[in-house]
Protein backbone atom coordinates (compact mmCIF):
# COMPACT_ATOMS: atom_id res chain seq x y z
CA MET A 1 -10.86 -9.83 8.85
CA ASN A 2 -10.48 -12.09 5.59
CA PHE A 3 -11.88 -11.17 2.17
CA THR A 4 -11.50 -14.30 0.00
CA ASP A 5 -12.35 -12.19 -3.39
CA ILE A 6 -10.95 -14.79 -5.97
CA GLU A 7 -13.56 -17.90 -5.32
CA ASP A 8 -15.21 -20.29 -7.80
CA LYS A 9 -18.65 -18.69 -6.96
CA ALA A 10 -17.70 -15.37 -7.02
CA ILE A 11 -15.82 -15.58 -10.45
CA ALA A 12 -19.05 -17.57 -11.83
CA GLU A 13 -21.11 -14.60 -10.68
CA ALA A 14 -19.39 -11.78 -11.65
CA GLU A 15 -19.19 -13.40 -15.28
CA LYS A 16 -23.04 -14.20 -15.19
CA ARG A 17 -23.51 -9.91 -14.42
CA LYS A 18 -21.02 -9.24 -16.92
CA MET A 19 -18.81 -7.75 -14.80
CA SER A 20 -14.75 -7.56 -13.54
CA LEU A 21 -14.67 -9.65 -10.26
CA ILE A 22 -12.69 -6.36 -8.82
CA ASP A 23 -16.01 -4.63 -9.37
CA LEU A 24 -17.91 -7.53 -7.60
CA THR A 25 -16.14 -8.11 -5.10
CA ARG A 26 -15.57 -4.45 -4.16
CA GLY A 27 -19.24 -3.85 -4.17
CA ASN A 28 -19.91 -6.40 -1.52
CA ILE A 29 -17.02 -5.78 0.95
CA LYS A 30 -18.15 -1.98 0.86
CA GLU A 31 -21.86 -3.18 1.63
CA PHE A 32 -20.25 -5.48 3.95
CA ILE A 33 -18.80 -2.57 5.96
CA GLY A 34 -21.45 -0.49 5.97
CA GLU A 35 -23.42 -2.88 7.53
CA MET A 36 -20.37 -3.63 10.52
CA ASN A 37 -20.85 0.43 10.68
CA LEU A 38 -24.11 0.73 11.10
CA LEU A 39 -23.88 -1.87 13.89
CA ARG A 40 -21.91 -0.75 15.77
CA MET A 41 -19.26 -3.03 14.94
CA LYS A 42 -15.59 -2.87 15.69
CA ILE A 43 -13.85 -2.60 12.16
CA PRO A 44 -10.77 -4.47 12.41
CA ASP A 45 -7.28 -2.76 12.16
CA TYR A 46 -6.95 -5.31 8.96
CA LEU A 47 -9.08 -5.92 6.04
CA PRO A 48 -6.94 -8.17 3.41
CA LYS A 49 -7.84 -9.49 0.23
CA SER A 50 -6.95 -12.71 -0.68
CA SER A 51 -6.61 -10.94 -4.23
CA GLU A 52 -3.51 -8.78 -2.76
CA ALA A 53 -2.15 -11.86 -1.75
CA VAL A 54 -1.44 -14.23 -4.17
CA ASP A 55 2.37 -14.05 -3.21
CA GLN A 56 2.55 -15.53 -0.46
CA ALA A 57 -0.05 -18.13 -1.09
CA VAL A 58 2.58 -19.09 -3.89
CA GLU A 59 5.40 -18.68 -1.62
CA ILE A 60 3.60 -21.10 0.86
CA ILE A 61 2.53 -23.77 -2.01
CA ARG A 62 6.21 -23.88 -2.78
CA HIS A 63 7.12 -24.77 0.83
CA LEU A 64 4.46 -27.46 0.97
CA LEU A 65 5.69 -28.90 -2.75
CA ASP A 66 9.25 -29.24 -1.36
CA ARG A 67 8.04 -30.68 1.66
CA LYS A 68 6.29 -33.05 -0.54
CA THR A 69 3.09 -32.41 1.48
CA ALA A 70 1.69 -31.07 -1.73
CA TYR A 71 2.24 -32.36 -5.30
CA ARG A 72 1.18 -31.72 -8.70
CA HIS A 73 -1.62 -33.62 -10.81
CA ARG A 74 -2.38 -32.33 -14.43
CA GLY A 75 -1.61 -28.78 -13.68
CA ASN A 76 -3.63 -28.69 -10.40
CA ILE A 77 -1.54 -28.53 -7.04
CA TYR A 78 -2.98 -30.35 -4.31
CA PHE A 79 -2.55 -30.89 -0.59
CA ASP A 80 -2.13 -34.74 1.16
CA PRO A 81 -3.89 -34.48 4.42
CA LEU A 82 -2.24 -38.05 5.22
CA LYS A 83 0.51 -36.56 5.04
CA PHE A 84 -0.47 -34.06 8.17
CA PRO A 85 -0.52 -35.62 11.40
CA GLY A 86 -3.84 -34.38 12.88
CA PHE A 87 -5.48 -33.51 10.50
CA GLY A 88 -8.96 -33.12 11.14
CA ARG A 89 -8.85 -32.31 14.72
CA ILE A 90 -10.85 -29.11 15.31
CA TYR A 91 -13.69 -30.54 13.89
CA GLY A 92 -12.93 -34.41 15.38
CA LEU A 93 -12.77 -36.35 12.52
CA ASP A 94 -12.39 -39.64 12.60
CA MET A 95 -9.08 -40.68 9.55
CA THR A 96 -9.36 -44.35 10.23
CA LYS A 97 -12.52 -43.86 8.21
CA TRP A 98 -10.17 -42.38 5.27
CA PRO A 99 -10.23 -44.57 1.84
CA ALA A 100 -7.01 -46.15 0.90
CA LYS A 101 -7.44 -45.25 -2.60
CA LYS A 102 -6.47 -41.86 -4.10
CA ARG A 103 -9.08 -39.07 -4.82
CA ARG A 104 -8.77 -35.90 -5.36
CA PHE A 105 -11.51 -32.79 -4.59
CA HIS A 106 -10.37 -29.78 -7.71
CA ARG A 107 -13.26 -27.23 -7.06
CA ASP A 108 -13.11 -24.02 -4.11
CA THR A 109 -16.28 -25.48 -1.75
CA TYR A 110 -18.53 -28.22 -2.31
CA PRO A 111 -22.44 -28.26 -1.05
CA GLY A 112 -23.36 -29.29 2.07
CA MET A 113 -21.84 -30.07 5.52
CA ARG A 114 -20.31 -33.62 4.43
CA TRP A 115 -16.21 -34.05 3.89
CA ASN A 116 -14.39 -34.96 1.03
CA ARG A 117 -12.25 -37.85 2.15
CA GLY A 118 -9.03 -36.85 -0.15
CA ASP A 119 -6.92 -34.76 -1.56
CA PHE A 120 -7.61 -30.51 -1.80
CA ILE A 121 -6.84 -28.03 -4.13
CA LEU A 122 -4.45 -25.74 -3.51
CA TRP A 123 -3.91 -24.00 -6.73
CA HIS A 124 -5.98 -23.78 -10.17
CA GLU A 125 -4.00 -23.84 -13.22
CA CYS A 126 -5.18 -21.62 -15.51
CA ARG A 127 -6.72 -23.31 -18.84
CA GLY A 128 -8.44 -21.97 -21.75
CA GLY A 129 -10.72 -19.85 -21.15
CA ASP A 130 -9.91 -18.89 -17.59
CA THR A 131 -9.61 -14.65 -16.92
CA ILE A 132 -8.16 -14.61 -13.47
CA CYS A 133 -4.96 -15.57 -13.35
CA TRP A 134 -1.91 -14.90 -12.05
CA ASP A 135 1.68 -15.59 -13.84
CA THR A 136 4.32 -16.39 -10.89
CA ARG A 137 7.00 -18.58 -10.35
CA ILE A 138 4.93 -21.70 -9.51
CA GLY A 139 2.80 -21.42 -13.03
CA LYS A 140 -0.08 -19.40 -14.21
CA GLY A 141 -3.43 -19.72 -12.34
CA ARG A 142 -4.73 -18.76 -9.21
CA PRO A 143 -4.97 -19.40 -5.44
CA SER A 144 -7.75 -21.63 -4.83
CA TRP A 145 -10.05 -20.62 -2.04
CA ASN A 146 -8.19 -22.89 0.54
CA ILE A 147 -5.06 -21.71 0.69
CA GLN A 148 -6.47 -17.90 0.85
CA ASP A 149 -7.36 -17.52 4.41
CA PRO A 150 -3.05 -18.79 5.39
CA SER A 151 -2.28 -16.49 2.72
CA MET A 152 -4.31 -13.50 4.13
CA ILE A 153 -2.87 -14.43 7.64
CA SER A 154 1.31 -14.86 6.93
CA LYS A 155 1.00 -11.81 4.83
CA HIS A 156 0.06 -9.69 8.73
CA PHE A 157 0.64 -12.29 11.57
CA GLU A 158 3.73 -14.39 12.44
CA GLU A 159 2.53 -15.42 15.66
CA THR A 160 -0.15 -17.78 16.84
CA LEU A 161 -3.51 -16.18 17.09
CA SER A 162 -5.37 -16.00 20.29
CA ILE A 163 -8.83 -16.38 18.52
CA TYR A 164 -9.33 -17.90 15.00
CA CYS A 165 -13.44 -17.30 14.30
CA GLY A 166 -15.99 -18.42 11.47
CA GLY A 167 -18.87 -20.17 10.68
CA PHE A 168 -19.88 -23.33 12.03
CA ASP A 169 -20.33 -25.04 8.17
CA ASN A 170 -16.21 -24.12 8.36
CA LEU A 171 -15.66 -27.06 10.70
CA PHE A 172 -16.37 -29.36 7.37
CA ARG A 173 -13.45 -29.07 5.88
CA HIS A 174 -12.32 -25.56 5.57
CA HIS A 175 -10.70 -24.32 8.73
CA ASP A 176 -9.22 -27.76 9.24
CA TYR A 177 -7.19 -27.11 5.83
CA THR A 178 -6.13 -23.75 6.80
CA ARG A 179 -4.39 -25.38 10.02
CA ALA A 180 -2.98 -27.72 8.21
CA ILE A 181 -1.57 -25.58 5.78
CA LEU A 182 -0.31 -23.00 7.76
CA GLU A 183 1.10 -25.67 10.44
CA SER A 184 2.29 -27.35 7.81
CA ILE A 185 5.21 -24.70 7.33
CA ARG A 186 5.24 -23.30 11.15
CA ALA A 187 6.61 -25.26 13.44
CA TYR A 188 3.83 -23.97 16.42
CA PRO A 189 -0.21 -23.78 16.51
CA MET A 190 -1.55 -21.13 14.16
CA ALA A 191 -4.80 -20.17 16.87
CA LYS A 192 -5.22 -20.88 20.41
CA PHE A 193 -8.82 -21.23 19.99
CA TRP A 194 -11.48 -21.55 17.68
CA LEU A 195 -14.90 -20.22 18.13
CA HIS A 196 -17.63 -21.11 15.21
CA CYS A 197 -20.65 -19.48 15.45
CA HIS A 198 -24.33 -21.22 14.35
CA HIS A 199 -26.60 -19.59 11.77
CA LEU A 200 -29.25 -16.79 11.74
CA HIS A 201 -33.00 -18.73 10.96
CA VAL A 202 -36.68 -16.61 9.99
CA ASN A 203 -39.45 -18.29 12.03
CA GLY A 204 -37.77 -21.38 12.43
CA GLN A 205 -36.10 -21.71 8.41
CA LYS A 206 -32.76 -21.17 6.50
CA MET A 207 -32.76 -17.63 5.11
CA SER A 208 -32.53 -18.20 1.21
CA LYS A 209 -34.12 -15.92 -1.76
CA SER A 210 -36.16 -19.05 -2.72
CA LYS A 211 -37.90 -18.90 0.78
CA GLY A 212 -38.84 -15.55 0.63
CA ASN A 213 -37.65 -15.05 3.85
CA ILE A 214 -34.10 -12.75 3.60
CA TYR A 215 -34.22 -10.02 6.37
CA TYR A 216 -32.16 -6.95 6.05
CA THR A 217 -31.10 -4.32 8.50
CA ASP A 218 -33.66 -2.03 6.24
CA THR A 219 -36.57 -4.12 6.91
CA LEU A 220 -36.12 -4.19 10.94
CA LEU A 221 -35.50 -0.39 10.68
CA GLU A 222 -38.72 0.19 8.72
CA GLN A 223 -40.81 -1.40 11.24
CA GLY A 224 -39.83 0.77 14.04
CA TYR A 225 -36.98 -1.19 15.62
CA ASP A 226 -33.28 1.35 16.30
CA ILE A 227 -29.84 0.10 15.33
CA SER A 228 -29.26 -0.51 19.10
CA GLU A 229 -31.54 -3.49 19.17
CA ILE A 230 -30.82 -5.08 16.19
CA ARG A 231 -27.72 -5.35 17.52
CA PHE A 232 -29.08 -6.56 21.07
CA PHE A 233 -30.91 -9.26 19.48
CA LEU A 234 -28.24 -10.42 17.22
CA ILE A 235 -25.01 -10.45 20.18
CA HIS A 236 -27.83 -11.90 23.07
CA GLY A 237 -28.09 -15.34 21.72
CA HIS A 238 -25.08 -17.88 22.60
CA TYR A 239 -22.66 -17.63 19.48
CA ARG A 240 -23.00 -21.62 19.03
CA GLU A 241 -26.60 -21.62 19.03
CA THR A 242 -28.76 -20.98 16.68
CA LEU A 243 -30.16 -17.31 16.38
CA ASN A 244 -33.83 -17.84 15.74
CA TYR A 245 -35.60 -14.44 14.18
CA SER A 246 -39.59 -14.27 14.83
CA ASP A 247 -41.24 -10.79 15.57
CA LYS A 248 -42.38 -12.86 19.36
CA ASN A 249 -38.28 -12.92 19.21
CA MET A 250 -37.44 -9.83 18.43
CA ARG A 251 -40.31 -7.76 20.28
CA SER A 252 -38.93 -9.60 23.42
CA ALA A 253 -35.27 -8.73 22.98
CA THR A 254 -36.65 -5.18 22.21
CA ASP A 255 -38.68 -5.18 25.46
CA LYS A 256 -35.65 -6.64 27.59
CA LEU A 257 -33.17 -3.92 26.07
CA ARG A 258 -35.64 -1.00 26.82
CA ALA A 259 -36.48 -2.16 30.45
CA PHE A 260 -32.86 -2.13 31.00
CA ARG A 261 -32.42 1.24 30.04
CA GLU A 262 -34.76 2.42 32.29
CA MET A 263 -33.30 0.71 35.06
CA VAL A 264 -29.90 2.51 34.06
CA ASN A 265 -31.55 5.47 33.63
CA LYS A 266 -33.06 5.84 37.19
CA VAL A 267 -29.56 5.17 38.59
CA LYS A 268 -28.15 8.13 36.19
CA GLY A 269 -30.32 10.21 38.14
CA ARG A 270 -28.04 9.40 41.42
CA VAL A 271 -24.76 9.88 39.53
CA ASP A 272 -22.14 12.71 41.34
CA GLN A 273 -18.87 13.99 39.85
CA VAL A 274 -17.40 11.35 42.13
CA ALA A 275 -17.17 8.33 41.97
CA ASP A 276 -17.09 5.01 44.04
CA LEU A 277 -15.65 2.49 42.11
CA ASP A 278 -15.17 -0.13 44.61
CA GLY A 279 -19.02 0.00 45.73
CA LYS A 280 -20.42 -3.66 46.57
CA VAL A 281 -23.06 -3.18 43.61
CA THR A 282 -20.49 -1.98 40.96
CA ARG A 283 -18.06 -4.97 41.76
CA LYS A 284 -20.96 -6.91 41.24
CA ILE A 285 -21.51 -5.68 38.10
CA ASN A 286 -18.09 -6.11 36.88
CA GLY A 287 -17.57 -9.78 38.52
CA ILE A 288 -20.72 -10.65 36.67
CA PHE A 289 -19.65 -9.18 33.44
CA SER A 290 -15.99 -10.81 33.21
CA GLU A 291 -17.01 -14.56 34.63
CA ARG A 292 -19.53 -14.66 32.49
CA MET A 293 -17.79 -13.22 29.77
CA ASP A 294 -14.78 -15.78 30.18
CA ASP A 295 -16.80 -18.56 29.83
CA ASP A 296 -17.10 -18.96 26.23
CA LEU A 297 -18.29 -15.49 25.18
CA ASP A 298 -21.82 -15.34 26.99
CA VAL A 299 -23.36 -12.83 26.38
CA ARG A 300 -26.48 -13.34 27.07
CA GLY A 301 -25.51 -14.66 30.59
CA ALA A 302 -23.18 -11.80 31.16
CA PHE A 303 -26.27 -9.41 30.27
CA ASP A 304 -29.02 -11.33 31.63
CA GLY A 305 -27.19 -10.75 35.17
CA LEU A 306 -26.69 -7.31 34.97
CA TYR A 307 -30.15 -6.80 34.27
CA ARG A 308 -31.20 -9.04 37.48
CA VAL A 309 -28.55 -7.08 39.72
CA LEU A 310 -30.27 -3.66 38.65
CA SER A 311 -33.66 -5.11 39.00
CA GLU A 312 -33.06 -5.73 42.44
CA LEU A 313 -31.74 -1.45 42.89
CA GLU A 314 -33.47 1.05 45.00
CA PRO A 315 -31.71 3.97 43.10
CA MET A 316 -32.82 6.36 45.24
CA GLU A 317 -31.19 4.36 48.19
CA LEU A 318 -28.05 4.66 46.45
CA LYS A 319 -25.42 7.11 47.36
CA PRO A 320 -24.70 9.65 44.84
CA THR A 321 -20.75 8.75 44.43
CA GLU A 322 -22.11 4.36 44.35
CA ALA A 323 -24.35 5.67 41.37
CA SER A 324 -21.69 7.15 39.73
CA GLY A 325 -19.53 4.31 40.24
CA ILE A 326 -21.93 1.90 38.61
CA MET A 327 -22.52 4.52 35.49
CA LYS A 328 -18.77 4.23 35.23
CA SER A 329 -18.97 0.49 34.60
CA LEU A 330 -21.53 0.20 32.96
CA ARG A 331 -19.92 2.35 30.32
CA GLU A 332 -17.06 0.35 30.17
CA ILE A 333 -18.88 -2.91 29.96
CA ASP A 334 -21.02 -1.46 26.81
CA GLY A 335 -17.51 -0.42 25.06
CA VAL A 336 -18.06 -4.03 24.66
CA LEU A 337 -21.64 -4.79 24.24
CA ARG A 338 -22.73 -1.35 22.79
CA VAL A 339 -26.37 -1.12 23.20
CA ILE A 340 -26.61 0.39 26.19
CA PHE A 341 -26.26 4.38 25.57
C-alpha cells in the first residue's frame, strides 16, 4: 500500500500549519493505520512512502527521457501520452479527441472528474522558495504525484501485479498515467486486474467539512455499534457501488449481522471435537462463498448466500460432526470477512 507523501496539497497544508511535511504525513499515516487495525484490516507487508523512493522515480524518468517518451520543458519534465500506444485503456478514453495542439499540465492534481488532454508532469524543478527538493542526477526538484506510485512499485515488485486497487476517481487520469509510465519501461503489463471502489456518502451526499456530515468510527462507537458491525456495514455493499450511510442503513446492516451471529451460535451449540468436512451443508457454504467472491468480489452475495443457508437449517437436527464441519468452514470464511466471530 503506497503513501504518496510529497504531493502538492500535502506541501501546501504543511506550510499552512507551519509544520514539516514529514511530521504532517507521518501523523496522517499513523492515524490511518490505526483505523485499519481498528477495523480488522490486514496490514500489507510493504507500506512504502514516495519520499523514500525518489531514487527509483529518478531512474524511471531517466529511462523515459532516453526513450523520448518524456521531455524537459522550462526545467520541468513531462510525459507525452501520444508516445505510449494504448494510453487511456483503463478508463476507455477516446484518443481520437486528443487535441492536435501541444498542451501541458504542470500541477500534481486537478479538481473534478475530468481528463486533462495533454502532457502530464513527472518532475517539478525546484525554484525560489521551494523547500521540498532533492538534488539528483536529473536536477534539483521533486517527483510529481503521477510518478510516485510507479516508483514505489518498482522498488518492491518486478513482476506483473495480480490486482491494483484505488478509488473510482483514479480512473480519471491517475491510473492510466501510472500504467503508461511503468509499462513504458517494462515489456509486460503492470497489473492483471484493476479494481476501483466507489465513495462513501452520508444521507445521499458526499462527506465534507463544509456540510458538517463527516463521520468517524468514534462517532459510530459512541452510538453503540461495535467494530465488527461498522466493518460489516462497510464491506457488505459492492465495492463498485456508492455506499450510502444513514441511520436506517446502518441499523439494517447491524440487525442482519446480529441475526446471522445468533444462527451461528445455535450451530455452535451442536459441535463435536470431530468435524465432518464433507457434509452437505459445509460443501454448500464453501461453494456459495467461493462462487460469489470469485464474481468480482461480491461480498454481499457471498454473505447473503451464507445467511440463507443457515436460516434454512434446523440446528437441533444437525449431527455434531456436521455442525463442527460447518463451524470450521465459517471460521475459515471469517478469515476474510472478520465480522462473524
